[in-house]
PDB file of all heavy atoms in Angstrom:
ATOM      1  N   LEU A   1     -11.781  -2.508   3.664  1.00  0.00           N
ATOM      2  CA  LEU A   1     -11.366  -3.058   4.948  1.00  0.00           C
ATOM      3  C   LEU A   1     -10.752  -4.442   4.726  1.00  0.00           C
ATOM      4  O   LEU A   1     -11.040  -5.097   3.724  1.00  0.00           O
ATOM      5  CB  LEU A   1     -12.556  -3.175   5.896  1.00  0.00           C
ATOM      6  CG  LEU A   1     -12.910  -1.981   6.789  1.00  0.00           C
ATOM      7  CD1 LEU A   1     -13.252  -0.759   5.960  1.00  0.00           C
ATOM      8  CD2 LEU A   1     -14.078  -2.339   7.717  1.00  0.00           C
ATOM      9  N   PRO A   2      -9.926  -4.930   5.655  1.00  0.00           N
ATOM     10  CA  PRO A   2      -9.378  -6.280   5.515  1.00  0.00           C
ATOM     11  C   PRO A   2     -10.499  -7.307   5.304  1.00  0.00           C
ATOM     12  O   PRO A   2     -11.521  -7.266   5.993  1.00  0.00           O
ATOM     13  CB  PRO A   2      -8.645  -6.501   6.839  1.00  0.00           C
ATOM     14  CG  PRO A   2      -8.250  -5.127   7.270  1.00  0.00           C
ATOM     15  CD  PRO A   2      -9.395  -4.247   6.858  1.00  0.00           C
ATOM     16  N   PRO A   3     -10.316  -8.251   4.347  1.00  0.00           N
ATOM     17  CA  PRO A   3     -11.399  -9.141   3.947  1.00  0.00           C
ATOM     18  C   PRO A   3     -11.419 -10.492   4.630  1.00  0.00           C
ATOM     19  O   PRO A   3     -12.241 -11.346   4.278  1.00  0.00           O
ATOM     20  CB  PRO A   3     -11.111  -9.340   2.455  1.00  0.00           C
ATOM     21  CG  PRO A   3      -9.610  -9.383   2.397  1.00  0.00           C
ATOM     22  CD  PRO A   3      -9.142  -8.391   3.448  1.00  0.00           C
ATOM     23  N   GLY A   4     -10.538 -10.732   5.594  1.00  0.00           N
ATOM     24  CA  GLY A   4     -10.389 -12.090   6.095  1.00  0.00           C
ATOM     25  C   GLY A   4      -9.377 -12.831   5.243  1.00  0.00           C
ATOM     26  O   GLY A   4      -8.456 -12.225   4.683  1.00  0.00           O
ATOM     27  N   ASN A   5      -9.536 -14.124   5.113  1.00  0.00           N
ATOM     28  CA  ASN A   5      -8.593 -14.946   4.346  1.00  0.00           C
ATOM     29  C   ASN A   5      -9.027 -14.983   2.884  1.00  0.00           C
ATOM     30  O   ASN A   5      -9.775 -15.859   2.462  1.00  0.00           O
ATOM     31  CB  ASN A   5      -8.527 -16.357   4.933  1.00  0.00           C
ATOM     32  CG  ASN A   5      -7.391 -17.176   4.343  1.00  0.00           C
ATOM     33  OD1 ASN A   5      -6.900 -16.891   3.251  1.00  0.00           O
ATOM     34  ND2 ASN A   5      -6.964 -18.195   5.060  1.00  0.00           N
ATOM     35  N   TRP A   6      -8.546 -14.030   2.111  1.00  0.00           N
ATOM     36  CA  TRP A   6      -8.947 -13.906   0.703  1.00  0.00           C
ATOM     37  C   TRP A   6      -8.548 -15.140  -0.092  1.00  0.00           C
ATOM     38  O   TRP A   6      -9.305 -15.641  -0.926  1.00  0.00           O
ATOM     39  CB  TRP A   6      -8.312 -12.653   0.110  1.00  0.00           C
ATOM     40  CG  TRP A   6      -8.768 -12.300  -1.276  1.00  0.00           C
ATOM     41  CD1 TRP A   6      -8.191 -12.673  -2.442  1.00  0.00           C
ATOM     42  CD2 TRP A   6      -9.896 -11.496  -1.625  1.00  0.00           C
ATOM     43  NE1 TRP A   6      -8.886 -12.150  -3.503  1.00  0.00           N
ATOM     44  CE2 TRP A   6      -9.939 -11.420  -3.033  1.00  0.00           C
ATOM     45  CE3 TRP A   6     -10.876 -10.823  -0.882  1.00  0.00           C
ATOM     46  CZ2 TRP A   6     -10.905 -10.697  -3.724  1.00  0.00           C
ATOM     47  CZ3 TRP A   6     -11.851 -10.104  -1.568  1.00  0.00           C
ATOM     48  CH2 TRP A   6     -11.863 -10.048  -2.972  1.00  0.00           C
ATOM     49  N   ALA A   7      -7.343 -15.640   0.150  1.00  0.00           N
ATOM     50  CA  ALA A   7      -6.851 -16.798  -0.600  1.00  0.00           C
ATOM     51  C   ALA A   7      -7.707 -18.034  -0.358  1.00  0.00           C
ATOM     52  O   ALA A   7      -7.824 -18.903  -1.229  1.00  0.00           O
ATOM     53  CB  ALA A   7      -5.396 -17.083  -0.226  1.00  0.00           C
ATOM     54  N   ALA A   8      -8.340 -18.105   0.798  1.00  0.00           N
ATOM     55  CA  ALA A   8      -9.202 -19.247   1.127  1.00  0.00           C
ATOM     56  C   ALA A   8     -10.638 -19.031   0.687  1.00  0.00           C
ATOM     57  O   ALA A   8     -11.501 -19.882   0.961  1.00  0.00           O
ATOM     58  CB  ALA A   8      -9.149 -19.513   2.627  1.00  0.00           C
ATOM     59  N   GLY A   9     -10.924 -17.912   0.043  1.00  0.00           N
ATOM     60  CA  GLY A   9     -12.258 -17.659  -0.471  1.00  0.00           C
ATOM     61  C   GLY A   9     -13.111 -16.731   0.355  1.00  0.00           C
ATOM     62  O   GLY A   9     -14.251 -16.457  -0.019  1.00  0.00           O
ATOM     63  N   GLU A  10     -12.582 -16.205   1.456  1.00  0.00           N
ATOM     64  CA  GLU A  10     -13.365 -15.245   2.234  1.00  0.00           C
ATOM     65  C   GLU A  10     -13.429 -13.917   1.498  1.00  0.00           C
ATOM     66  O   GLU A  10     -12.435 -13.463   0.901  1.00  0.00           O
ATOM     67  CB  GLU A  10     -12.764 -15.071   3.628  1.00  0.00           C
ATOM     68  CG  GLU A  10     -12.927 -16.306   4.488  1.00  0.00           C
ATOM     69  CD  GLU A  10     -12.472 -16.108   5.923  1.00  0.00           C
ATOM     70  OE1 GLU A  10     -11.645 -15.202   6.185  1.00  0.00           O
ATOM     71  OE2 GLU A  10     -12.937 -16.869   6.788  1.00  0.00           O
ATOM     72  N   ARG A  11     -14.595 -13.303   1.547  1.00  0.00           N
ATOM     73  CA  ARG A  11     -14.818 -12.038   0.845  1.00  0.00           C
ATOM     74  C   ARG A  11     -15.413 -11.013   1.810  1.00  0.00           C
ATOM     75  O   ARG A  11     -16.438 -10.422   1.580  1.00  0.00           O
ATOM     76  CB  ARG A  11     -15.745 -12.261  -0.356  1.00  0.00           C
ATOM     77  CG  ARG A  11     -15.147 -13.165  -1.438  1.00  0.00           C
ATOM     78  CD  ARG A  11     -13.922 -12.506  -2.057  1.00  0.00           C
ATOM     79  NE  ARG A  11     -13.315 -13.281  -3.134  1.00  0.00           N
ATOM     80  CZ  ARG A  11     -12.286 -14.100  -2.995  1.00  0.00           C
ATOM     81  NH1 ARG A  11     -11.738 -14.272  -1.781  1.00  0.00           N
ATOM     82  NH2 ARG A  11     -11.777 -14.740  -4.032  1.00  0.00           N
ATOM     83  N   GLY A  12     -14.711 -10.820   2.911  1.00  0.00           N
ATOM     84  CA  GLY A  12     -15.188  -9.971   3.986  1.00  0.00           C
ATOM     85  C   GLY A  12     -15.669 -10.825   5.136  1.00  0.00           C
ATOM     86  O   GLY A  12     -16.072 -11.992   4.963  1.00  0.00           O
ATOM     87  N   ILE A  13     -15.639 -10.250   6.340  1.00  0.00           N
ATOM     88  CA  ILE A  13     -16.025 -11.011   7.533  1.00  0.00           C
ATOM     89  C   ILE A  13     -17.109 -10.313   8.339  1.00  0.00           C
ATOM     90  O   ILE A  13     -17.441 -10.749   9.439  1.00  0.00           O
ATOM     91  CB  ILE A  13     -14.803 -11.285   8.432  1.00  0.00           C
ATOM     92  CG1 ILE A  13     -14.164  -9.972   8.891  1.00  0.00           C
ATOM     93  CG2 ILE A  13     -13.788 -12.159   7.699  1.00  0.00           C
ATOM     94  CD1 ILE A  13     -13.035 -10.165   9.901  1.00  0.00           C
ATOM     95  N   ALA A  14     -17.702  -9.262   7.784  1.00  0.00           N
ATOM     96  CA  ALA A  14     -18.658  -8.467   8.555  1.00  0.00           C
ATOM     97  C   ALA A  14     -19.931  -9.222   8.905  1.00  0.00           C
ATOM     98  O   ALA A  14     -20.641  -8.831   9.829  1.00  0.00           O
ATOM     99  CB  ALA A  14     -19.014  -7.193   7.797  1.00  0.00           C
ATOM    100  N   SER A  15     -20.248 -10.293   8.168  1.00  0.00           N
ATOM    101  CA  SER A  15     -21.460 -11.059   8.459  1.00  0.00           C
ATOM    102  C   SER A  15     -21.157 -12.442   9.023  1.00  0.00           C
ATOM    103  O   SER A  15     -22.068 -13.268   9.145  1.00  0.00           O
ATOM    104  CB  SER A  15     -22.307 -11.209   7.185  1.00  0.00           C
ATOM    105  OG  SER A  15     -21.621 -11.976   6.211  1.00  0.00           O
ATOM    106  N   LEU A  16     -19.902 -12.685   9.385  1.00  0.00           N
ATOM    107  CA  LEU A  16     -19.503 -14.019   9.843  1.00  0.00           C
ATOM    108  C   LEU A  16     -19.530 -14.098  11.368  1.00  0.00           C
ATOM    109  O   LEU A  16     -18.944 -13.258  12.051  1.00  0.00           O
ATOM    110  CB  LEU A  16     -18.103 -14.369   9.339  1.00  0.00           C
ATOM    111  CG  LEU A  16     -17.853 -14.235   7.828  1.00  0.00           C
ATOM    112  CD1 LEU A  16     -16.497 -14.824   7.465  1.00  0.00           C
ATOM    113  CD2 LEU A  16     -18.960 -14.893   7.018  1.00  0.00           C
ATOM    114  N   PRO A  17     -20.197 -15.109  11.917  1.00  0.00           N
ATOM    115  CA  PRO A  17     -20.280 -15.223  13.380  1.00  0.00           C
ATOM    116  C   PRO A  17     -18.925 -15.555  13.998  1.00  0.00           C
ATOM    117  O   PRO A  17     -18.106 -16.272  13.417  1.00  0.00           O
ATOM    118  CB  PRO A  17     -21.278 -16.378  13.572  1.00  0.00           C
ATOM    119  CG  PRO A  17     -21.188 -17.188  12.312  1.00  0.00           C
ATOM    120  CD  PRO A  17     -20.911 -16.200  11.219  1.00  0.00           C
ATOM    121  N   GLY A  18     -18.689 -14.993  15.168  1.00  0.00           N
ATOM    122  CA  GLY A  18     -17.466 -15.276  15.899  1.00  0.00           C
ATOM    123  C   GLY A  18     -16.240 -14.524  15.422  1.00  0.00           C
ATOM    124  O   GLY A  18     -15.145 -14.745  15.945  1.00  0.00           O
ATOM    125  N   ARG A  19     -16.410 -13.614  14.466  1.00  0.00           N
ATOM    126  CA  ARG A  19     -15.264 -12.883  13.918  1.00  0.00           C
ATOM    127  C   ARG A  19     -15.309 -11.396  14.281  1.00  0.00           C
ATOM    128  O   ARG A  19     -14.590 -10.583  13.684  1.00  0.00           O
ATOM    129  CB  ARG A  19     -15.237 -13.040  12.388  1.00  0.00           C
ATOM    130  CG  ARG A  19     -15.259 -14.490  11.891  1.00  0.00           C
ATOM    131  CD  ARG A  19     -13.956 -15.198  12.095  1.00  0.00           C
ATOM    132  NE  ARG A  19     -12.936 -14.695  11.198  1.00  0.00           N
ATOM    133  CZ  ARG A  19     -12.766 -15.151   9.929  1.00  0.00           C
ATOM    134  NH1 ARG A  19     -13.566 -16.094   9.442  1.00  0.00           N
ATOM    135  NH2 ARG A  19     -11.797 -14.661   9.183  1.00  0.00           N
ATOM    136  N   GLU A  20     -16.145 -11.064  15.253  1.00  0.00           N
ATOM    137  CA  GLU A  20     -16.343  -9.654  15.581  1.00  0.00           C
ATOM    138  C   GLU A  20     -15.060  -8.957  16.034  1.00  0.00           C
ATOM    139  O   GLU A  20     -14.792  -7.819  15.634  1.00  0.00           O
ATOM    140  CB  GLU A  20     -17.428  -9.512  16.649  1.00  0.00           C
ATOM    141  CG  GLU A  20     -18.832  -9.840  16.169  1.00  0.00           C
ATOM    142  CD  GLU A  20     -19.150 -11.331  16.192  1.00  0.00           C
ATOM    143  OE1 GLU A  20     -18.254 -12.140  16.533  1.00  0.00           O
ATOM    144  OE2 GLU A  20     -20.304 -11.690  15.870  1.00  0.00           O
ATOM    145  N   ALA A  21     -14.261  -9.622  16.861  1.00  0.00           N
ATOM    146  CA  ALA A  21     -13.024  -9.003  17.342  1.00  0.00           C
ATOM    147  C   ALA A  21     -12.056  -8.773  16.187  1.00  0.00           C
ATOM    148  O   ALA A  21     -11.429  -7.703  16.084  1.00  0.00           O
ATOM    149  CB  ALA A  21     -12.380  -9.872  18.412  1.00  0.00           C
ATOM    150  N   GLU A  22     -11.953  -9.750  15.301  1.00  0.00           N
ATOM    151  CA  GLU A  22     -11.093  -9.601  14.128  1.00  0.00           C
ATOM    152  C   GLU A  22     -11.592  -8.466  13.230  1.00  0.00           C
ATOM    153  O   GLU A  22     -10.796  -7.693  12.683  1.00  0.00           O
ATOM    154  CB  GLU A  22     -11.062 -10.909  13.346  1.00  0.00           C
ATOM    155  CG  GLU A  22     -10.203 -10.872  12.100  1.00  0.00           C
ATOM    156  CD  GLU A  22     -10.280 -12.165  11.307  1.00  0.00           C
ATOM    157  OE1 GLU A  22     -10.854 -13.155  11.799  1.00  0.00           O
ATOM    158  OE2 GLU A  22      -9.765 -12.181  10.163  1.00  0.00           O
ATOM    159  N   PHE A  23     -12.905  -8.363  13.096  1.00  0.00           N
ATOM    160  CA  PHE A  23     -13.472  -7.292  12.283  1.00  0.00           C
ATOM    161  C   PHE A  23     -13.097  -5.933  12.860  1.00  0.00           C
ATOM    162  O   PHE A  23     -12.680  -5.027  12.126  1.00  0.00           O
ATOM    163  CB  PHE A  23     -14.990  -7.435  12.208  1.00  0.00           C
ATOM    164  CG  PHE A  23     -15.663  -6.321  11.452  1.00  0.00           C
ATOM    165  CD1 PHE A  23     -15.684  -6.322  10.069  1.00  0.00           C
ATOM    166  CD2 PHE A  23     -16.261  -5.265  12.128  1.00  0.00           C
ATOM    167  CE1 PHE A  23     -16.278  -5.281   9.367  1.00  0.00           C
ATOM    168  CE2 PHE A  23     -16.858  -4.224  11.439  1.00  0.00           C
ATOM    169  CZ  PHE A  23     -16.876  -4.228  10.053  1.00  0.00           C
ATOM    170  N   ARG A  24     -13.210  -5.779  14.165  1.00  0.00           N
ATOM    171  CA  ARG A  24     -12.902  -4.485  14.784  1.00  0.00           C
ATOM    172  C   ARG A  24     -11.431  -4.134  14.639  1.00  0.00           C
ATOM    173  O   ARG A  24     -11.074  -2.969  14.435  1.00  0.00           O
ATOM    174  CB  ARG A  24     -13.321  -4.501  16.252  1.00  0.00           C
ATOM    175  CG  ARG A  24     -14.835  -4.583  16.413  1.00  0.00           C
ATOM    176  CD  ARG A  24     -15.291  -4.442  17.847  1.00  0.00           C
ATOM    177  NE  ARG A  24     -16.753  -4.422  17.930  1.00  0.00           N
ATOM    178  CZ  ARG A  24     -17.438  -3.764  18.825  1.00  0.00           C
ATOM    179  NH1 ARG A  24     -16.804  -3.060  19.758  1.00  0.00           N
ATOM    180  NH2 ARG A  24     -18.763  -3.790  18.819  1.00  0.00           N
ATOM    181  N   GLU A  25     -10.572  -5.137  14.727  1.00  0.00           N
ATOM    182  CA  GLU A  25      -9.151  -4.897  14.494  1.00  0.00           C
ATOM    183  C   GLU A  25      -8.921  -4.426  13.060  1.00  0.00           C
ATOM    184  O   GLU A  25      -8.105  -3.527  12.810  1.00  0.00           O
ATOM    185  CB  GLU A  25      -8.352  -6.172  14.767  1.00  0.00           C
ATOM    186  CG  GLU A  25      -8.292  -6.566  16.235  1.00  0.00           C
ATOM    187  CD  GLU A  25      -7.603  -7.902  16.436  1.00  0.00           C
ATOM    188  OE1 GLU A  25      -7.103  -8.475  15.438  1.00  0.00           O
ATOM    189  OE2 GLU A  25      -7.557  -8.383  17.587  1.00  0.00           O
ATOM    190  N   GLY A  26      -9.647  -5.039  12.124  1.00  0.00           N
ATOM    191  CA  GLY A  26      -9.516  -4.643  10.731  1.00  0.00           C
ATOM    192  C   GLY A  26      -9.978  -3.223  10.488  1.00  0.00           C
ATOM    193  O   GLY A  26      -9.382  -2.487   9.685  1.00  0.00           O
ATOM    194  N   VAL A  27     -11.040  -2.814  11.159  1.00  0.00           N
ATOM    195  CA  VAL A  27     -11.515  -1.438  11.038  1.00  0.00           C
ATOM    196  C   VAL A  27     -10.424  -0.474  11.500  1.00  0.00           C
ATOM    197  O   VAL A  27     -10.130   0.534  10.830  1.00  0.00           O
ATOM    198  CB  VAL A  27     -12.804  -1.233  11.862  1.00  0.00           C
ATOM    199  CG1 VAL A  27     -13.173   0.244  11.926  1.00  0.00           C
ATOM    200  CG2 VAL A  27     -13.951  -2.048  11.268  1.00  0.00           C
ATOM    201  N   ALA A  28      -9.817  -0.779  12.622  1.00  0.00           N
ATOM    202  CA  ALA A  28      -8.761   0.097  13.143  1.00  0.00           C
ATOM    203  C   ALA A  28      -7.573   0.166  12.192  1.00  0.00           C
ATOM    204  O   ALA A  28      -6.991   1.240  11.971  1.00  0.00           O
ATOM    205  CB  ALA A  28      -8.318  -0.394  14.520  1.00  0.00           C
ATOM    206  N   THR A  29      -7.219  -0.976  11.603  1.00  0.00           N
ATOM    207  CA  THR A  29      -6.110  -1.004  10.652  1.00  0.00           C
ATOM    208  C   THR A  29      -6.415  -0.166   9.429  1.00  0.00           C
ATOM    209  O   THR A  29      -5.575   0.613   8.953  1.00  0.00           O
ATOM    210  CB  THR A  29      -5.812  -2.452  10.235  1.00  0.00           C
ATOM    211  OG1 THR A  29      -5.407  -3.210  11.384  1.00  0.00           O
ATOM    212  CG2 THR A  29      -4.706  -2.508   9.191  1.00  0.00           C
ATOM    213  N   ALA A  30      -7.629  -0.306   8.888  1.00  0.00           N
ATOM    214  CA  ALA A  30      -8.021   0.454   7.698  1.00  0.00           C
ATOM    215  C   ALA A  30      -8.026   1.950   7.978  1.00  0.00           C
ATOM    216  O   ALA A  30      -7.569   2.753   7.146  1.00  0.00           O
ATOM    217  CB  ALA A  30      -9.394  -0.005   7.221  1.00  0.00           C
ATOM    218  N   ILE A  31      -8.527   2.340   9.133  1.00  0.00           N
ATOM    219  CA  ILE A  31      -8.551   3.759   9.481  1.00  0.00           C
ATOM    220  C   ILE A  31      -7.134   4.308   9.596  1.00  0.00           C
ATOM    221  O   ILE A  31      -6.845   5.425   9.144  1.00  0.00           O
ATOM    222  CB  ILE A  31      -9.351   3.980  10.778  1.00  0.00           C
ATOM    223  CG1 ILE A  31     -10.845   3.731  10.521  1.00  0.00           C
ATOM    224  CG2 ILE A  31      -9.130   5.381  11.333  1.00  0.00           C
ATOM    225  CD1 ILE A  31     -11.701   3.758  11.769  1.00  0.00           C
ATOM    226  N   ALA A  32      -6.226   3.523  10.163  1.00  0.00           N
ATOM    227  CA  ALA A  32      -4.834   3.962  10.275  1.00  0.00           C
ATOM    228  C   ALA A  32      -4.230   4.182   8.889  1.00  0.00           C
ATOM    229  O   ALA A  32      -3.499   5.165   8.672  1.00  0.00           O
ATOM    230  CB  ALA A  32      -4.024   2.935  11.060  1.00  0.00           C
ATOM    231  N   TYR A  33      -4.508   3.303   7.945  1.00  0.00           N
ATOM    232  CA  TYR A  33      -4.028   3.480   6.570  1.00  0.00           C
ATOM    233  C   TYR A  33      -4.646   4.726   5.942  1.00  0.00           C
ATOM    234  O   TYR A  33      -3.960   5.508   5.269  1.00  0.00           O
ATOM    235  CB  TYR A  33      -4.346   2.254   5.725  1.00  0.00           C
ATOM    236  CG  TYR A  33      -3.212   1.265   5.621  1.00  0.00           C
ATOM    237  CD1 TYR A  33      -2.969   0.355   6.640  1.00  0.00           C
ATOM    238  CD2 TYR A  33      -2.395   1.229   4.500  1.00  0.00           C
ATOM    239  CE1 TYR A  33      -1.928  -0.572   6.544  1.00  0.00           C
ATOM    240  CE2 TYR A  33      -1.356   0.316   4.399  1.00  0.00           C
ATOM    241  CZ  TYR A  33      -1.126  -0.584   5.419  1.00  0.00           C
ATOM    242  OH  TYR A  33      -0.088  -1.486   5.324  1.00  0.00           O
ATOM    243  N   ALA A  34      -5.944   4.906   6.131  1.00  0.00           N
ATOM    244  CA  ALA A  34      -6.626   6.059   5.526  1.00  0.00           C
ATOM    245  C   ALA A  34      -6.067   7.370   6.046  1.00  0.00           C
ATOM    246  O   ALA A  34      -5.974   8.357   5.303  1.00  0.00           O
ATOM    247  CB  ALA A  34      -8.129   5.970   5.786  1.00  0.00           C
ATOM    248  N   LYS A  35      -5.691   7.408   7.307  1.00  0.00           N
ATOM    249  CA  LYS A  35      -5.124   8.636   7.869  1.00  0.00           C
ATOM    250  C   LYS A  35      -3.817   8.999   7.177  1.00  0.00           C
ATOM    251  O   LYS A  35      -3.494  10.183   7.030  1.00  0.00           O
ATOM    252  CB  LYS A  35      -4.912   8.470   9.368  1.00  0.00           C
ATOM    253  CG  LYS A  35      -6.204   8.502  10.177  1.00  0.00           C
ATOM    254  CD  LYS A  35      -5.935   8.343  11.667  1.00  0.00           C
ATOM    255  CE  LYS A  35      -7.218   8.442  12.468  1.00  0.00           C
ATOM    256  NZ  LYS A  35      -6.972   8.259  13.935  1.00  0.00           N
ATOM    257  N   VAL A  36      -3.071   8.001   6.744  1.00  0.00           N
ATOM    258  CA  VAL A  36      -1.819   8.261   6.032  1.00  0.00           C
ATOM    259  C   VAL A  36      -2.083   8.587   4.568  1.00  0.00           C
ATOM    260  O   VAL A  36      -1.521   9.544   4.015  1.00  0.00           O
ATOM    261  CB  VAL A  36      -0.867   7.049   6.142  1.00  0.00           C
ATOM    262  CG1 VAL A  36       0.388   7.274   5.299  1.00  0.00           C
ATOM    263  CG2 VAL A  36      -0.490   6.791   7.586  1.00  0.00           C
ATOM    264  N   LEU A  37      -2.963   7.820   3.922  1.00  0.00           N
ATOM    265  CA  LEU A  37      -3.177   7.959   2.479  1.00  0.00           C
ATOM    266  C   LEU A  37      -4.076   9.132   2.122  1.00  0.00           C
ATOM    267  O   LEU A  37      -4.036   9.619   0.995  1.00  0.00           O
ATOM    268  CB  LEU A  37      -3.760   6.667   1.915  1.00  0.00           C
ATOM    269  CG  LEU A  37      -2.930   5.391   2.141  1.00  0.00           C
ATOM    270  CD1 LEU A  37      -3.547   4.217   1.396  1.00  0.00           C
ATOM    271  CD2 LEU A  37      -1.482   5.593   1.727  1.00  0.00           C
ATOM    272  N   GLY A  38      -4.924   9.555   3.058  1.00  0.00           N
ATOM    273  CA  GLY A  38      -5.730  10.740   2.827  1.00  0.00           C
ATOM    274  C   GLY A  38      -7.088  10.497   2.205  1.00  0.00           C
ATOM    275  O   GLY A  38      -7.815  11.460   1.939  1.00  0.00           O
ATOM    276  N   ASN A  39      -7.470   9.259   1.948  1.00  0.00           N
ATOM    277  CA  ASN A  39      -8.808   9.005   1.391  1.00  0.00           C
ATOM    278  C   ASN A  39      -9.869   9.187   2.460  1.00  0.00           C
ATOM    279  O   ASN A  39      -9.630   8.959   3.646  1.00  0.00           O
ATOM    280  CB  ASN A  39      -8.897   7.606   0.784  1.00  0.00           C
ATOM    281  CG  ASN A  39      -8.454   6.507   1.731  1.00  0.00           C
ATOM    282  OD1 ASN A  39      -7.277   6.437   2.076  1.00  0.00           O
ATOM    283  ND2 ASN A  39      -9.382   5.661   2.140  1.00  0.00           N
ATOM    284  N   ARG A  40     -11.061   9.564   2.026  1.00  0.00           N
ATOM    285  CA  ARG A  40     -12.174   9.797   2.940  1.00  0.00           C
ATOM    286  C   ARG A  40     -13.207   8.684   2.885  1.00  0.00           C
ATOM    287  O   ARG A  40     -14.203   8.727   3.622  1.00  0.00           O
ATOM    288  CB  ARG A  40     -12.871  11.132   2.628  1.00  0.00           C
ATOM    289  CG  ARG A  40     -11.934  12.321   2.427  1.00  0.00           C
ATOM    290  CD  ARG A  40     -10.896  12.452   3.528  1.00  0.00           C
ATOM    291  NE  ARG A  40     -11.479  12.606   4.854  1.00  0.00           N
ATOM    292  CZ  ARG A  40     -10.792  12.502   5.990  1.00  0.00           C
ATOM    293  NH1 ARG A  40      -9.508  12.206   5.968  1.00  0.00           N
ATOM    294  NH2 ARG A  40     -11.405  12.685   7.137  1.00  0.00           N
ATOM    295  N   LEU A  41     -12.996   7.679   2.024  1.00  0.00           N
ATOM    296  CA  LEU A  41     -13.960   6.592   1.853  1.00  0.00           C
ATOM    297  C   LEU A  41     -13.309   5.251   2.153  1.00  0.00           C
ATOM    298  O   LEU A  41     -12.179   4.990   1.723  1.00  0.00           O
ATOM    299  CB  LEU A  41     -14.498   6.568   0.414  1.00  0.00           C
ATOM    300  CG  LEU A  41     -15.140   7.839  -0.136  1.00  0.00           C
ATOM    301  CD1 LEU A  41     -15.518   7.630  -1.601  1.00  0.00           C
ATOM    302  CD2 LEU A  41     -16.358   8.226   0.684  1.00  0.00           C
ATOM    303  N   LEU A  42     -14.039   4.389   2.867  1.00  0.00           N
ATOM    304  CA  LEU A  42     -13.635   3.005   3.108  1.00  0.00           C
ATOM    305  C   LEU A  42     -14.803   2.094   2.787  1.00  0.00           C
ATOM    306  O   LEU A  42     -15.947   2.385   3.150  1.00  0.00           O
ATOM    307  CB  LEU A  42     -13.220   2.799   4.569  1.00  0.00           C
ATOM    308  CG  LEU A  42     -11.913   3.432   5.040  1.00  0.00           C
ATOM    309  CD1 LEU A  42     -11.752   3.239   6.549  1.00  0.00           C
ATOM    310  CD2 LEU A  42     -10.721   2.833   4.305  1.00  0.00           C
TER     311      LEU A  42
END
């Protein structure tokens, strides 16, 4: 799933307060990619 700002040292945002909306957007983006690429794991 999208990790947040990787270049700034973020390594995922699932445990970060106040980032819930961004996390949900990232989930939707990852699922859209998976539907095209065909992988079953995220």
